């Protein structure tokens, strides 16, 4: 299997220039240095502009002037981030523009710049609780055609362990080709960062159905041990076949009995993984992709960064036409 090329154009979403995403900047810079990639810092302005006349420094200004001044201020702020020590040694640019909703603006900019990777920092932490992913973040993850790296921790990428969560059973209408794309992407980043690649699949016990009421079958919670062993052996063979495409040795292939939402985060913590690579899946009858319920729970429980990958065939539903300011431009939902 050909390994995807290393990213050459990285887009880092800047939610607030006054509160730079230090973890995302550091991770993006590490990847960029290793790949020889460029970084663009992008900030979408979606503040409400309601009145036709406003005041600045005690002077009345028009709405048009206010819009231009706000953009200039944000551009100046984001330009300062280029000089951050976190980005030392990386070729960077910065761009701020009016567009909304913000998550759509990020996708539009990524498409316009032909980005290979979008980096987003999650700032929605509640002490003692799991990660809470905002609606806008979910929409970005769902609609962005290129891989999205959701940065969750400050842990540096120093020979990181990269864990690919695969599904040879193709549950939830997941295309078989996505596992290969996912593994190839995970291998690319593991090689780029001089890391160690692992693959994991969480499965439920073999389903066994017996006659119940006339015309119906009931599910039994237990089956003969030899049937369960045969089921596990088939899954292990399927995992090994996939893992061998990127030369993952057997000792780094993990077959987990249980709910993926529990088992994958637990394994990631046990391994000390820095990145878990997950796939977005499609639902029958829908053209858009979504993060399945199990994957969504797994992501919110993940103790590390998450890289979400789409099938090669995915086309973003986001319009390439921006939505600039209007009577009310919209509200930032970060």
C-alpha atoms as a PDB file:
ATOM      1  CA  UNK A   1       0.000   0.000   0.000  1.00  0.00           C
ATOM      2  CA  UNK A   2       1.461   3.395  -0.954  1.00  0.00           C
ATOM      3  CA  UNK A   3       1.960   5.623   2.067  1.00  0.00           C
ATOM      4  CA  UNK A   4       0.303   9.066   1.807  1.00  0.00           C
ATOM      5  CA  UNK A   5       2.677  11.940   1.315  1.00  0.00           C
ATOM      6  CA  UNK A   6       3.599  14.021   4.338  1.00  0.00           C
ATOM      7  CA  UNK A   7       1.510  17.189   4.749  1.00  0.00           C
ATOM      8  CA  UNK A   8       2.929  20.207   2.942  1.00  0.00           C
ATOM      9  CA  UNK A   9       0.242  22.771   3.810  1.00  0.00           C
ATOM     10  CA  UNK A  10      -1.138  22.939   7.351  1.00  0.00           C
ATOM     11  CA  UNK A  11      -4.008  25.163   8.424  1.00  0.00           C
ATOM     12  CA  UNK A  12      -4.256  26.007  12.133  1.00  0.00           C
ATOM     13  CA  UNK A  13      -7.623  27.376  13.220  1.00  0.00           C
ATOM     14  CA  UNK A  14      -7.241  30.345  15.573  1.00  0.00           C
ATOM     15  CA  UNK A  15     -10.429  30.782  17.543  1.00  0.00           C
ATOM     16  CA  UNK A  16      -9.282  33.895  19.364  1.00  0.00           C
ATOM     17  CA  UNK A  17      -6.086  35.833  18.481  1.00  0.00           C
ATOM     18  CA  UNK A  18      -5.983  37.124  22.053  1.00  0.00           C
ATOM     19  CA  UNK A  19      -5.864  33.553  23.383  1.00  0.00           C
ATOM     20  CA  UNK A  20      -3.537  31.670  21.028  1.00  0.00           C
ATOM     21  CA  UNK A  21      -3.889  27.861  21.006  1.00  0.00           C
ATOM     22  CA  UNK A  22      -0.388  27.121  22.260  1.00  0.00           C
ATOM     23  CA  UNK A  23      -0.787  23.333  22.175  1.00  0.00           C
ATOM     24  CA  UNK A  24      -2.085  23.353  18.614  1.00  0.00           C
ATOM     25  CA  UNK A  25       0.669  25.724  17.486  1.00  0.00           C
ATOM     26  CA  UNK A  26       3.350  23.542  19.061  1.00  0.00           C
ATOM     27  CA  UNK A  27       1.981  20.303  17.549  1.00  0.00           C
ATOM     28  CA  UNK A  28       1.488  21.846  14.107  1.00  0.00           C
ATOM     29  CA  UNK A  29       5.023  23.263  14.205  1.00  0.00           C
ATOM     30  CA  UNK A  30       6.500  19.877  15.115  1.00  0.00           C
ATOM     31  CA  UNK A  31       4.749  18.242  12.158  1.00  0.00           C
ATOM     32  CA  UNK A  32       5.704  21.112   9.838  1.00  0.00           C
ATOM     33  CA  UNK A  33       9.395  20.961  10.764  1.00  0.00           C
ATOM     34  CA  UNK A  34       9.561  17.233  10.134  1.00  0.00           C
ATOM     35  CA  UNK A  35       7.613  17.451   6.879  1.00  0.00           C
ATOM     36  CA  UNK A  36       9.067  20.702   5.580  1.00  0.00           C
ATOM     37  CA  UNK A  37       5.518  22.053   5.517  1.00  0.00           C
ATOM     38  CA  UNK A  38       4.156  25.577   5.686  1.00  0.00           C
ATOM     39  CA  UNK A  39       1.561  26.757   8.199  1.00  0.00           C
ATOM     40  CA  UNK A  40      -1.244  29.248   7.808  1.00  0.00           C
ATOM     41  CA  UNK A  41      -2.887  30.641  10.915  1.00  0.00           C
ATOM     42  CA  UNK A  42      -6.512  31.326  10.062  1.00  0.00           C
ATOM     43  CA  UNK A  43      -9.052  33.335  12.034  1.00  0.00           C
ATOM     44  CA  UNK A  44     -12.666  33.660  10.875  1.00  0.00           C
ATOM     45  CA  UNK A  45     -14.421  36.824  12.043  1.00  0.00           C
ATOM     46  CA  UNK A  46     -18.094  36.275  12.718  1.00  0.00           C
ATOM     47  CA  UNK A  47     -18.919  39.056  15.164  1.00  0.00           C
ATOM     48  CA  UNK A  48     -22.362  40.651  14.982  1.00  0.00           C
ATOM     49  CA  UNK A  49     -22.486  44.078  13.330  1.00  0.00           C
ATOM     50  CA  UNK A  50     -25.991  45.345  13.946  1.00  0.00           C
ATOM     51  CA  UNK A  51     -25.949  49.113  13.791  1.00  0.00           C
ATOM     52  CA  UNK A  52     -25.291  51.125  10.647  1.00  0.00           C
ATOM     53  CA  UNK A  53     -23.279  53.650  12.651  1.00  0.00           C
ATOM     54  CA  UNK A  54     -20.818  52.917  15.436  1.00  0.00           C
ATOM     55  CA  UNK A  55     -18.257  54.816  17.475  1.00  0.00           C
ATOM     56  CA  UNK A  56     -14.518  54.313  17.788  1.00  0.00           C
ATOM     57  CA  UNK A  57     -12.199  56.453  19.883  1.00  0.00           C
ATOM     58  CA  UNK A  58     -15.087  58.855  20.490  1.00  0.00           C
ATOM     59  CA  UNK A  59     -15.741  59.329  16.783  1.00  0.00           C
ATOM     60  CA  UNK A  60     -18.728  58.157  14.793  1.00  0.00           C
ATOM     61  CA  UNK A  61     -17.809  55.752  12.000  1.00  0.00           C
ATOM     62  CA  UNK A  62     -19.847  53.933   9.383  1.00  0.00           C
ATOM     63  CA  UNK A  63     -20.602  50.260   9.493  1.00  0.00           C
ATOM     64  CA  UNK A  64     -18.290  49.743   6.514  1.00  0.00           C
ATOM     65  CA  UNK A  65     -15.451  51.499   8.325  1.00  0.00           C
ATOM     66  CA  UNK A  66     -16.100  49.427  11.443  1.00  0.00           C
ATOM     67  CA  UNK A  67     -15.928  46.206   9.423  1.00  0.00           C
ATOM     68  CA  UNK A  68     -12.630  47.208   7.846  1.00  0.00           C
ATOM     69  CA  UNK A  69     -11.156  48.324  11.180  1.00  0.00           C
ATOM     70  CA  UNK A  70     -12.163  45.112  12.944  1.00  0.00           C
ATOM     71  CA  UNK A  71     -10.582  43.013  10.227  1.00  0.00           C
ATOM     72  CA  UNK A  72      -7.393  45.106  10.339  1.00  0.00           C
ATOM     73  CA  UNK A  73      -7.215  44.737  14.132  1.00  0.00           C
ATOM     74  CA  UNK A  74      -7.675  40.955  13.953  1.00  0.00           C
ATOM     75  CA  UNK A  75      -5.138  40.669  11.153  1.00  0.00           C
ATOM     76  CA  UNK A  76      -2.624  42.612  13.202  1.00  0.00           C
ATOM     77  CA  UNK A  77      -3.238  40.372  16.205  1.00  0.00           C
ATOM     78  CA  UNK A  78      -2.902  37.152  14.240  1.00  0.00           C
ATOM     79  CA  UNK A  79       0.216  38.451  12.469  1.00  0.00           C
ATOM     80  CA  UNK A  80       1.889  38.738  15.875  1.00  0.00           C
ATOM     81  CA  UNK A  81       1.387  35.016  16.448  1.00  0.00           C
ATOM     82  CA  UNK A  82       3.731  34.239  13.562  1.00  0.00           C
ATOM     83  CA  UNK A  83       6.592  35.477  15.745  1.00  0.00           C
ATOM     84  CA  UNK A  84       5.743  33.012  18.517  1.00  0.00           C
ATOM     85  CA  UNK A  85       8.755  30.938  19.664  1.00  0.00           C
ATOM     86  CA  UNK A  86       6.502  27.905  19.210  1.00  0.00           C
ATOM     87  CA  UNK A  87       6.663  28.436  15.429  1.00  0.00           C
ATOM     88  CA  UNK A  88      10.398  29.042  15.214  1.00  0.00           C
ATOM     89  CA  UNK A  89      11.937  27.549  12.090  1.00  0.00           C
ATOM     90  CA  UNK A  90       8.615  27.170  10.268  1.00  0.00           C
ATOM     91  CA  UNK A  91       7.454  29.203   7.291  1.00  0.00           C
ATOM     92  CA  UNK A  92       4.167  30.760   8.422  1.00  0.00           C
ATOM     93  CA  UNK A  93       1.506  33.121   7.169  1.00  0.00           C
ATOM     94  CA  UNK A  94      -1.652  34.487   8.780  1.00  0.00           C
ATOM     95  CA  UNK A  95      -5.028  35.435   7.462  1.00  0.00           C
ATOM     96  CA  UNK A  96      -8.205  36.846   9.021  1.00  0.00           C
ATOM     97  CA  UNK A  97     -11.451  37.360   7.155  1.00  0.00           C
ATOM     98  CA  UNK A  98     -15.159  37.849   7.669  1.00  0.00           C
ATOM     99  CA  UNK A  99     -17.067  34.606   7.167  1.00  0.00           C
ATOM    100  CA  UNK A 100     -19.576  32.518   9.074  1.00  0.00           C
ATOM    101  CA  UNK A 101     -20.461  30.079  10.493  1.00  0.00           C
ATOM    102  CA  UNK A 102     -16.899  29.773  11.713  1.00  0.00           C
ATOM    103  CA  UNK A 103     -16.622  26.009  11.184  1.00  0.00           C
ATOM    104  CA  UNK A 104     -17.697  26.420   7.558  1.00  0.00           C
ATOM    105  CA  UNK A 105     -15.258  29.302   7.109  1.00  0.00           C
ATOM    106  CA  UNK A 106     -12.396  27.058   8.260  1.00  0.00           C
ATOM    107  CA  UNK A 107     -13.355  24.367   5.744  1.00  0.00           C
ATOM    108  CA  UNK A 108     -13.647  26.959   2.970  1.00  0.00           C
ATOM    109  CA  UNK A 109     -10.211  28.338   3.753  1.00  0.00           C
ATOM    110  CA  UNK A 110      -8.710  24.841   3.948  1.00  0.00           C
ATOM    111  CA  UNK A 111     -10.164  24.046   0.523  1.00  0.00           C
ATOM    112  CA  UNK A 112      -8.947  27.345  -0.944  1.00  0.00           C
ATOM    113  CA  UNK A 113      -5.424  26.768   0.395  1.00  0.00           C
ATOM    114  CA  UNK A 114      -5.500  23.075  -0.550  1.00  0.00           C
ATOM    115  CA  UNK A 115      -4.449  22.222   2.987  1.00  0.00           C
ATOM    116  CA  UNK A 116      -3.313  18.682   3.749  1.00  0.00           C
ATOM    117  CA  UNK A 117      -4.109  18.945   7.454  1.00  0.00           C
ATOM    118  CA  UNK A 118      -6.334  21.105   9.651  1.00  0.00           C
ATOM    119  CA  UNK A 119      -5.278  21.525  13.277  1.00  0.00           C
ATOM    120  CA  UNK A 120      -7.798  22.522  15.923  1.00  0.00           C
ATOM    121  CA  UNK A 121      -7.286  22.876  19.666  1.00  0.00           C
ATOM    122  CA  UNK A 122     -10.055  21.863  21.998  1.00  0.00           C
ATOM    123  CA  UNK A 123     -10.456  24.283  24.867  1.00  0.00           C
ATOM    124  CA  UNK A 124     -13.669  22.864  26.293  1.00  0.00           C
ATOM    125  CA  UNK A 125     -12.448  21.235  29.462  1.00  0.00           C
ATOM    126  CA  UNK A 126     -14.420  20.774  32.649  1.00  0.00           C
ATOM    127  CA  UNK A 127     -12.346  19.841  35.729  1.00  0.00           C
ATOM    128  CA  UNK A 128     -12.876  16.196  36.601  1.00  0.00           C
ATOM    129  CA  UNK A 129     -14.889  15.495  33.455  1.00  0.00           C
ATOM    130  CA  UNK A 130     -14.211  14.197  29.966  1.00  0.00           C
ATOM    131  CA  UNK A 131     -13.652  16.406  26.970  1.00  0.00           C
ATOM    132  CA  UNK A 132     -16.754  18.257  25.856  1.00  0.00           C
ATOM    133  CA  UNK A 133     -16.589  18.856  22.104  1.00  0.00           C
ATOM    134  CA  UNK A 134     -18.515  21.905  20.948  1.00  0.00           C
ATOM    135  CA  UNK A 135     -21.126  21.740  18.207  1.00  0.00           C
ATOM    136  CA  UNK A 136     -18.948  23.831  15.892  1.00  0.00           C
ATOM    137  CA  UNK A 137     -15.996  21.494  16.417  1.00  0.00           C
ATOM    138  CA  UNK A 138     -18.161  18.488  15.560  1.00  0.00           C
ATOM    139  CA  UNK A 139     -19.401  20.193  12.409  1.00  0.00           C
ATOM    140  CA  UNK A 140     -15.835  20.958  11.349  1.00  0.00           C
ATOM    141  CA  UNK A 141     -14.758  17.373  11.967  1.00  0.00           C
ATOM    142  CA  UNK A 142     -17.761  16.085  10.032  1.00  0.00           C
ATOM    143  CA  UNK A 143     -17.498  18.352   6.996  1.00  0.00           C
ATOM    144  CA  UNK A 144     -13.764  18.888   6.493  1.00  0.00           C
ATOM    145  CA  UNK A 145     -12.496  16.671   3.643  1.00  0.00           C
ATOM    146  CA  UNK A 146      -8.893  16.617   4.812  1.00  0.00           C
ATOM    147  CA  UNK A 147      -7.648  15.039   8.072  1.00  0.00           C
ATOM    148  CA  UNK A 148      -8.457  17.049  11.200  1.00  0.00           C
ATOM    149  CA  UNK A 149      -6.108  16.884  14.177  1.00  0.00           C
ATOM    150  CA  UNK A 150      -7.978  17.663  17.392  1.00  0.00           C
ATOM    151  CA  UNK A 151      -5.296  18.652  19.901  1.00  0.00           C
ATOM    152  CA  UNK A 152      -6.199  17.712  23.446  1.00  0.00           C
ATOM    153  CA  UNK A 153      -2.953  17.531  25.408  1.00  0.00           C
ATOM    154  CA  UNK A 154       0.317  19.420  25.785  1.00  0.00           C
ATOM    155  CA  UNK A 155       2.344  16.210  25.450  1.00  0.00           C
ATOM    156  CA  UNK A 156       5.104  16.707  22.876  1.00  0.00           C
ATOM    157  CA  UNK A 157       5.420  14.472  19.838  1.00  0.00           C
ATOM    158  CA  UNK A 158       8.699  12.817  20.824  1.00  0.00           C
ATOM    159  CA  UNK A 159       8.790   9.397  19.156  1.00  0.00           C
ATOM    160  CA  UNK A 160       5.043   9.156  19.788  1.00  0.00           C
ATOM    161  CA  UNK A 161       2.939   6.041  19.764  1.00  0.00           C
ATOM    162  CA  UNK A 162       0.269   6.327  17.089  1.00  0.00           C
ATOM    163  CA  UNK A 163      -2.784   4.080  17.466  1.00  0.00           C
ATOM    164  CA  UNK A 164      -5.022   3.377  14.467  1.00  0.00           C
ATOM    165  CA  UNK A 165      -8.567   2.334  15.445  1.00  0.00           C
ATOM    166  CA  UNK A 166      -9.723   0.049  12.635  1.00  0.00           C
ATOM    167  CA  UNK A 167     -12.887  -1.923  11.973  1.00  0.00           C
ATOM    168  CA  UNK A 168     -12.502  -4.955   9.669  1.00  0.00           C
ATOM    169  CA  UNK A 169     -16.162  -5.799  10.337  1.00  0.00           C
ATOM    170  CA  UNK A 170     -17.176  -2.540   8.591  1.00  0.00           C
ATOM    171  CA  UNK A 171     -19.858  -1.692  11.127  1.00  0.00           C
ATOM    172  CA  UNK A 172     -22.239   1.241  10.603  1.00  0.00           C
ATOM    173  CA  UNK A 173     -21.888   1.138   6.784  1.00  0.00           C
ATOM    174  CA  UNK A 174     -18.202   1.957   7.082  1.00  0.00           C
ATOM    175  CA  UNK A 175     -16.510   1.515   3.693  1.00  0.00           C
ATOM    176  CA  UNK A 176     -13.874  -1.211   3.650  1.00  0.00           C
ATOM    177  CA  UNK A 177     -11.417   1.124   1.904  1.00  0.00           C
ATOM    178  CA  UNK A 178     -11.477   3.572   4.833  1.00  0.00           C
ATOM    179  CA  UNK A 179      -9.464   1.204   7.040  1.00  0.00           C
ATOM    180  CA  UNK A 180      -6.684   1.141   4.447  1.00  0.00           C
ATOM    181  CA  UNK A 181      -6.711   4.926   4.142  1.00  0.00           C
ATOM    182  CA  UNK A 182      -6.745   5.243   7.929  1.00  0.00           C
ATOM    183  CA  UNK A 183      -3.821   2.854   8.380  1.00  0.00           C
ATOM    184  CA  UNK A 184      -1.808   4.486   5.605  1.00  0.00           C
ATOM    185  CA  UNK A 185      -2.371   7.922   7.165  1.00  0.00           C
ATOM    186  CA  UNK A 186      -1.444   6.651  10.636  1.00  0.00           C
ATOM    187  CA  UNK A 187       1.704   5.042   9.219  1.00  0.00           C
ATOM    188  CA  UNK A 188       2.630   8.287   7.470  1.00  0.00           C
ATOM    189  CA  UNK A 189       2.467  10.302  10.693  1.00  0.00           C
ATOM    190  CA  UNK A 190       4.207   7.608  12.742  1.00  0.00           C
ATOM    191  CA  UNK A 191       7.068   7.546  10.222  1.00  0.00           C
ATOM    192  CA  UNK A 192       7.180  11.336  10.013  1.00  0.00           C
ATOM    193  CA  UNK A 193       7.467  11.700  13.782  1.00  0.00           C
ATOM    194  CA  UNK A 194       9.770   8.679  14.250  1.00  0.00           C
ATOM    195  CA  UNK A 195       7.023   7.063  16.283  1.00  0.00           C
ATOM    196  CA  UNK A 196       5.636   3.597  16.862  1.00  0.00           C
ATOM    197  CA  UNK A 197       2.528   2.452  15.030  1.00  0.00           C
ATOM    198  CA  UNK A 198      -0.172   0.281  16.616  1.00  0.00           C
ATOM    199  CA  UNK A 199      -3.539  -0.960  15.343  1.00  0.00           C
ATOM    200  CA  UNK A 200      -6.579  -1.895  17.405  1.00  0.00           C
ATOM    201  CA  UNK A 201     -10.048  -3.292  16.854  1.00  0.00           C
ATOM    202  CA  UNK A 202     -12.696  -3.582  19.581  1.00  0.00           C
ATOM    203  CA  UNK A 203     -15.398  -6.161  18.995  1.00  0.00           C
ATOM    204  CA  UNK A 204     -18.434  -7.547  20.746  1.00  0.00           C
ATOM    205  CA  UNK A 205     -19.011 -11.245  21.499  1.00  0.00           C
ATOM    206  CA  UNK A 206     -20.162 -13.415  18.633  1.00  0.00           C
ATOM    207  CA  UNK A 207     -23.924 -12.900  18.126  1.00  0.00           C
ATOM    208  CA  UNK A 208     -25.885 -16.107  18.461  1.00  0.00           C
ATOM    209  CA  UNK A 209     -29.607 -16.338  17.806  1.00  0.00           C
ATOM    210  CA  UNK A 210     -31.957 -19.166  18.754  1.00  0.00           C
ATOM    211  CA  UNK A 211     -35.647 -19.768  17.939  1.00  0.00           C
ATOM    212  CA  UNK A 212     -38.002 -17.969  20.277  1.00  0.00           C
ATOM    213  CA  UNK A 213     -41.591 -17.050  19.527  1.00  0.00           C
ATOM    214  CA  UNK A 214     -42.951 -18.297  16.198  1.00  0.00           C
ATOM    215  CA  UNK A 215     -41.163 -16.451  13.407  1.00  0.00           C
ATOM    216  CA  UNK A 216     -38.783 -14.704  15.804  1.00  0.00           C
ATOM    217  CA  UNK A 217     -35.313 -15.284  17.159  1.00  0.00           C
ATOM    218  CA  UNK A 218     -33.848 -14.225  20.467  1.00  0.00           C
ATOM    219  CA  UNK A 219     -30.227 -13.268  21.097  1.00  0.00           C
ATOM    220  CA  UNK A 220     -28.325 -15.406  23.594  1.00  0.00           C
ATOM    221  CA  UNK A 221     -25.630 -13.760  25.692  1.00  0.00           C
ATOM    222  CA  UNK A 222     -23.368 -16.799  25.663  1.00  0.00           C
ATOM    223  CA  UNK A 223     -22.225 -19.190  22.978  1.00  0.00           C
ATOM    224  CA  UNK A 224     -20.046 -22.268  23.059  1.00  0.00           C
ATOM    225  CA  UNK A 225     -16.396 -21.370  23.796  1.00  0.00           C
ATOM    226  CA  UNK A 226     -15.191 -22.929  20.554  1.00  0.00           C
ATOM    227  CA  UNK A 227     -17.584 -20.710  18.547  1.00  0.00           C
ATOM    228  CA  UNK A 228     -16.320 -17.597  20.307  1.00  0.00           C
ATOM    229  CA  UNK A 229     -12.717 -18.682  19.787  1.00  0.00           C
ATOM    230  CA  UNK A 230     -13.365 -19.247  16.092  1.00  0.00           C
ATOM    231  CA  UNK A 231     -14.970 -15.790  15.859  1.00  0.00           C
ATOM    232  CA  UNK A 232     -11.961 -14.157  17.537  1.00  0.00           C
ATOM    233  CA  UNK A 233      -9.542 -16.088  15.327  1.00  0.00           C
ATOM    234  CA  UNK A 234     -11.304 -14.798  12.184  1.00  0.00           C
ATOM    235  CA  UNK A 235     -11.163 -11.226  13.475  1.00  0.00           C
ATOM    236  CA  UNK A 236      -7.498 -11.592  14.399  1.00  0.00           C
ATOM    237  CA  UNK A 237      -6.778 -12.815  10.879  1.00  0.00           C
ATOM    238  CA  UNK A 238      -8.672  -9.858   9.386  1.00  0.00           C
ATOM    239  CA  UNK A 239      -6.804  -7.381  11.611  1.00  0.00           C
ATOM    240  CA  UNK A 240      -3.468  -8.963  10.733  1.00  0.00           C
ATOM    241  CA  UNK A 241      -4.262  -8.783   7.007  1.00  0.00           C
ATOM    242  CA  UNK A 242      -4.976  -5.065   7.290  1.00  0.00           C
ATOM    243  CA  UNK A 243      -2.076  -4.332   9.638  1.00  0.00           C
ATOM    244  CA  UNK A 244       0.375  -6.137   7.381  1.00  0.00           C
ATOM    245  CA  UNK A 245      -0.270  -3.551   4.644  1.00  0.00           C
ATOM    246  CA  UNK A 246       1.698  -1.051   6.743  1.00  0.00           C
ATOM    247  CA  UNK A 247       3.974  -3.651   8.337  1.00  0.00           C
ATOM    248  CA  UNK A 248       2.596  -3.541  11.875  1.00  0.00           C
ATOM    249  CA  UNK A 249       3.988  -6.578  13.756  1.00  0.00           C
ATOM    250  CA  UNK A 250       1.634  -8.921  15.567  1.00  0.00           C
ATOM    251  CA  UNK A 251       2.758  -7.690  18.991  1.00  0.00           C
ATOM    252  CA  UNK A 252       1.421  -4.224  18.095  1.00  0.00           C
ATOM    253  CA  UNK A 253      -1.945  -5.498  16.873  1.00  0.00           C
ATOM    254  CA  UNK A 254      -4.606  -5.290  19.573  1.00  0.00           C
ATOM    255  CA  UNK A 255      -7.884  -7.213  19.471  1.00  0.00           C
ATOM    256  CA  UNK A 256     -10.128  -5.981  22.276  1.00  0.00           C
ATOM    257  CA  UNK A 257     -13.305  -7.625  23.520  1.00  0.00           C
ATOM    258  CA  UNK A 258     -15.821  -4.956  24.512  1.00  0.00           C
ATOM    259  CA  UNK A 259     -17.317  -1.612  23.539  1.00  0.00           C
ATOM    260  CA  UNK A 260     -14.983   0.456  21.364  1.00  0.00           C
ATOM    261  CA  UNK A 261     -16.014   3.619  23.239  1.00  0.00           C
ATOM    262  CA  UNK A 262     -14.438   2.109  26.365  1.00  0.00           C
ATOM    263  CA  UNK A 263     -11.719  -0.164  25.037  1.00  0.00           C
ATOM    264  CA  UNK A 264      -9.939   2.151  22.585  1.00  0.00           C
ATOM    265  CA  UNK A 265      -9.446   5.027  25.092  1.00  0.00           C
ATOM    266  CA  UNK A 266      -8.365   2.503  27.747  1.00  0.00           C
ATOM    267  CA  UNK A 267      -5.787   0.995  25.400  1.00  0.00           C
ATOM    268  CA  UNK A 268      -4.575   4.453  24.353  1.00  0.00           C
ATOM    269  CA  UNK A 269      -3.980   5.317  27.995  1.00  0.00           C
ATOM    270  CA  UNK A 270      -2.253   1.983  28.675  1.00  0.00           C
ATOM    271  CA  UNK A 271       0.071   2.419  25.692  1.00  0.00           C
ATOM    272  CA  UNK A 272       0.697   6.082  26.399  1.00  0.00           C
ATOM    273  CA  UNK A 273      -0.406   6.877  22.856  1.00  0.00           C
ATOM    274  CA  UNK A 274       0.041  10.454  21.676  1.00  0.00           C
ATOM    275  CA  UNK A 275      -2.357  10.215  18.716  1.00  0.00           C
ATOM    276  CA  UNK A 276      -5.341   7.990  17.990  1.00  0.00           C
ATOM    277  CA  UNK A 277      -6.332   7.895  14.321  1.00  0.00           C
ATOM    278  CA  UNK A 278     -10.066   7.368  13.783  1.00  0.00           C
ATOM    279  CA  UNK A 279     -12.263   7.258  10.711  1.00  0.00           C
ATOM    280  CA  UNK A 280     -15.442   9.165   9.956  1.00  0.00           C
ATOM    281  CA  UNK A 281     -18.192   6.908   8.648  1.00  0.00           C
ATOM    282  CA  UNK A 282     -21.156   7.294   6.327  1.00  0.00           C
ATOM    283  CA  UNK A 283     -24.754   6.454   7.042  1.00  0.00           C
ATOM    284  CA  UNK A 284     -26.948   4.801   4.429  1.00  0.00           C
ATOM    285  CA  UNK A 285     -29.183   7.297   2.660  1.00  0.00           C
ATOM    286  CA  UNK A 286     -27.102  10.303   3.695  1.00  0.00           C
ATOM    287  CA  UNK A 287     -24.539  12.064   1.565  1.00  0.00           C
ATOM    288  CA  UNK A 288     -22.737  13.632   4.471  1.00  0.00           C
ATOM    289  CA  UNK A 289     -20.395  11.917   6.871  1.00  0.00           C
ATOM    290  CA  UNK A 290     -20.861  11.800  10.567  1.00  0.00           C
ATOM    291  CA  UNK A 291     -19.027  10.641  13.628  1.00  0.00           C
ATOM    292  CA  UNK A 292     -20.941   7.606  14.828  1.00  0.00           C
ATOM    293  CA  UNK A 293     -22.281   7.477  18.366  1.00  0.00           C
ATOM    294  CA  UNK A 294     -19.649   4.960  19.460  1.00  0.00           C
ATOM    295  CA  UNK A 295     -16.825   6.937  17.870  1.00  0.00           C
ATOM    296  CA  UNK A 296     -18.173  10.154  19.384  1.00  0.00           C
ATOM    297  CA  UNK A 297     -18.144   8.658  22.878  1.00  0.00           C
ATOM    298  CA  UNK A 298     -14.674   7.255  22.266  1.00  0.00           C
ATOM    299  CA  UNK A 299     -13.355  10.647  21.163  1.00  0.00           C
ATOM    300  CA  UNK A 300     -14.720  12.390  24.240  1.00  0.00           C
ATOM    301  CA  UNK A 301     -13.014   9.776  26.442  1.00  0.00           C
ATOM    302  CA  UNK A 302      -9.703   9.788  24.599  1.00  0.00           C
ATOM    303  CA  UNK A 303      -6.690  10.693  26.769  1.00  0.00           C
ATOM    304  CA  UNK A 304      -4.691  12.002  23.819  1.00  0.00           C
ATOM    305  CA  UNK A 305      -4.908  13.859  20.514  1.00  0.00           C
ATOM    306  CA  UNK A 306      -7.216  12.504  17.813  1.00  0.00           C
ATOM    307  CA  UNK A 307      -6.706  12.554  14.050  1.00  0.00           C
ATOM    308  CA  UNK A 308      -9.964  12.076  12.126  1.00  0.00           C
ATOM    309  CA  UNK A 309      -9.674  10.707   8.590  1.00  0.00           C
ATOM    310  CA  UNK A 310     -12.277  10.603   5.803  1.00  0.00           C
ATOM    311  CA  UNK A 311     -12.640   8.172   2.886  1.00  0.00           C
ATOM    312  CA  UNK A 312     -10.875   9.316  -0.276  1.00  0.00           C
ATOM    313  CA  UNK A 313     -14.248   9.605  -1.990  1.00  0.00           C
ATOM    314  CA  UNK A 314     -15.601  12.144   0.503  1.00  0.00           C
ATOM    315  CA  UNK A 315     -16.763  15.468  -0.901  1.00  0.00           C
ATOM    316  CA  UNK A 316     -17.363  18.294   1.531  1.00  0.00           C
ATOM    317  CA  UNK A 317     -20.926  19.664   1.568  1.00  0.00           C
ATOM    318  CA  UNK A 318     -19.620  23.124   2.459  1.00  0.00           C
ATOM    319  CA  UNK A 319     -20.114  25.782  -0.207  1.00  0.00           C
ATOM    320  CA  UNK A 320     -16.974  27.430  -1.510  1.00  0.00           C
ATOM    321  CA  UNK A 321     -18.758  30.796  -1.452  1.00  0.00           C
ATOM    322  CA  UNK A 322     -18.084  32.727   1.736  1.00  0.00           C
ATOM    323  CA  UNK A 323     -20.734  34.500   3.760  1.00  0.00           C
ATOM    324  CA  UNK A 324     -19.372  37.967   4.475  1.00  0.00           C
ATOM    325  CA  UNK A 325     -20.817  40.580   6.784  1.00  0.00           C
ATOM    326  CA  UNK A 326     -24.469  41.526   6.521  1.00  0.00           C
ATOM    327  CA  UNK A 327     -27.003  43.469   8.640  1.00  0.00           C
ATOM    328  CA  UNK A 328     -26.133  40.850  11.253  1.00  0.00           C
ATOM    329  CA  UNK A 329     -23.074  38.845  10.278  1.00  0.00           C
ATOM    330  CA  UNK A 330     -23.681  35.963  12.642  1.00  0.00           C
ATOM    331  CA  UNK A 331     -22.143  34.956  15.930  1.00  0.00           C
ATOM    332  CA  UNK A 332     -18.914  33.207  16.763  1.00  0.00           C
ATOM    333  CA  UNK A 333     -19.912  29.876  18.279  1.00  0.00           C
ATOM    334  CA  UNK A 334     -16.529  28.790  19.590  1.00  0.00           C
END
